[in-house]
Amino acid sequence: MARGTGIPRRTGAVLAVTGLAMAVLAGCAVSPGAGVAADLSPEDVSSALQEGGDLLVWAWEPTLEHVVEDFEAEYPNVDVELANVGTGNDHYVVLQNAIRAGSGVPDVAQVEYYALPQFSIAGSLADLAPLGASELDGTYSPGTWGSVTDGDAVYGLPIDSGPMALFYNARTFKEAGVEVPATWDEFVEAARKIHAHDDGTHLIADDGNAGFATSMIWQAGGTPFAVDGTTVTVDLADKGSARFAQMWQQLLDDDLVAKVPEWSDEWFQRLGDGTIAALVTGAWMPANLESGAPGAAGDWRVAPMPQWTKGGTATAENGGSALSITEASTQKALAYGFLQYANAGDGVQVRLDHGNFPATTADLTSPEFLAREPEYFGGQKINEVLSASATGVLPGWQYLPYQVYANSKFPDTVGQAYTGSTPLSDGLGAWQESIVKYGNEQGFTVSGS
């Protein structure tokens, strides 16, 4: 069975409690539930599915409701309770509190790729390798598989991916006489031209979003976070960070960015009427545009992400998540059976049929998937663009082992650049200082470059 809370997809909530990632360092590692994953095998998974039992799954991804229905039909002895306890930081606050309390912890939790290290290093997530997850290497795109693995350990199965692309309103572009930008220099010029044509229209909206900024730095060739166990190096003045700061500063200085919060009513309204003319975001966006800005059907198109070098193909991930099994779960074998079905079995097609963007390589390249021509996007084969982006994700990116906390400090540091209080490069420097200070306070060895 499934139930939802109706909570919006993302919020700007700041973590109410901190230090989950430091639980191991502080000597309060999470106690494993009965059925330690290391003591289980793929055969135990098959047996558990036949014997049945109850599973509690915390996730906000909407297509999982359909997956649960089909899963329960195939395995009638299993009862899955699917609960949406929030999204983004709201979700992590509730999950973190349950883990700390040692009660009410779900068997399965949806965890975004950037947040996985924070939960895995705390010992809150089960290693799925003994259950057979290692054999799925090659099933998923390199970027998503790299996000759920740490050495030989596997801390989740990818549910979707967010290779980035440029979503743009073709009607607004045509009215302003703007060509689709292929480089970031062209992107800046397009922003100038669109705003000059109508000062109530902006090419892009950004009110200071840590996830967007880090993805842009990633695509620019940056690797500002280096993690080796509990040793962390932070360099938010590296090549990619500097590239992003210099380019985005031009847009901020000339009032070419609409400072409208993502997922707000105003944001969707302006996407609908074309006064926000483009988005640089993940491949999960189409379904959100269709539902949030239905009046713009036929106006939107998808193009490759602008490049720093003309003719390049570099991209990054923005968003995307995995399903993980909590260490506290007493139903690990059964939970892994659900993960297999949802993320590597029949559930993948169910999610695709309801608008999910895949992380599985077979689906990213399937003729049927690539040939889809959604009416909302004017009949364009948008999956050809989005799938190509998945192959261009730059390797080597790492998130901090306390990225959720770090992102909560972004508005107080980098966010000041969006009000004109400080240059973007200085804001990144202040963010680095807060990241280094917090990490060292929590027991990591953190240095800034």
Foldseek 3Di string as FASTA:
>chain_A
DEDEDPAFADDLDAAPDDCLLLCVVVPNFFAFAAPALLPDELVLLVVDLQQEDEFEEEDDQVLVVVLQVVSCVVRVRYHYYYYHQYHANSQVNVQSVCRVVLPPHGQKYKDKLLQVLLNVSSQFFGFNVRHPVLVCVQQFQPVVQVSQDDVSTGFFFFQAWFWKWKKFFQVLCVQLVQDDAQALVSVLVSLVSSCVSPVLAAQEAALFAPLVLVQQLQLQVDAQWDDDNLAIEGECCDRSNVVVLVSVLSCLVVVRHHHDDPPDLVVLVCCQVCSHTMDTITPLCPVVNCVSRVNLQQRMAIGGDHHNDRPDQAIAIRITIGMTGTSHDNSNSNVVSSSCCCQPHPVSVSSVVVRGHHRTPCLLPDPVLQCQQDRSNVRDSRSVNNSSSSNRYDPDHDHDSRNSNLSSCRCVALSVVSVVNDRNSRSSVVSLVVVQVVSVVSPGNYDYD
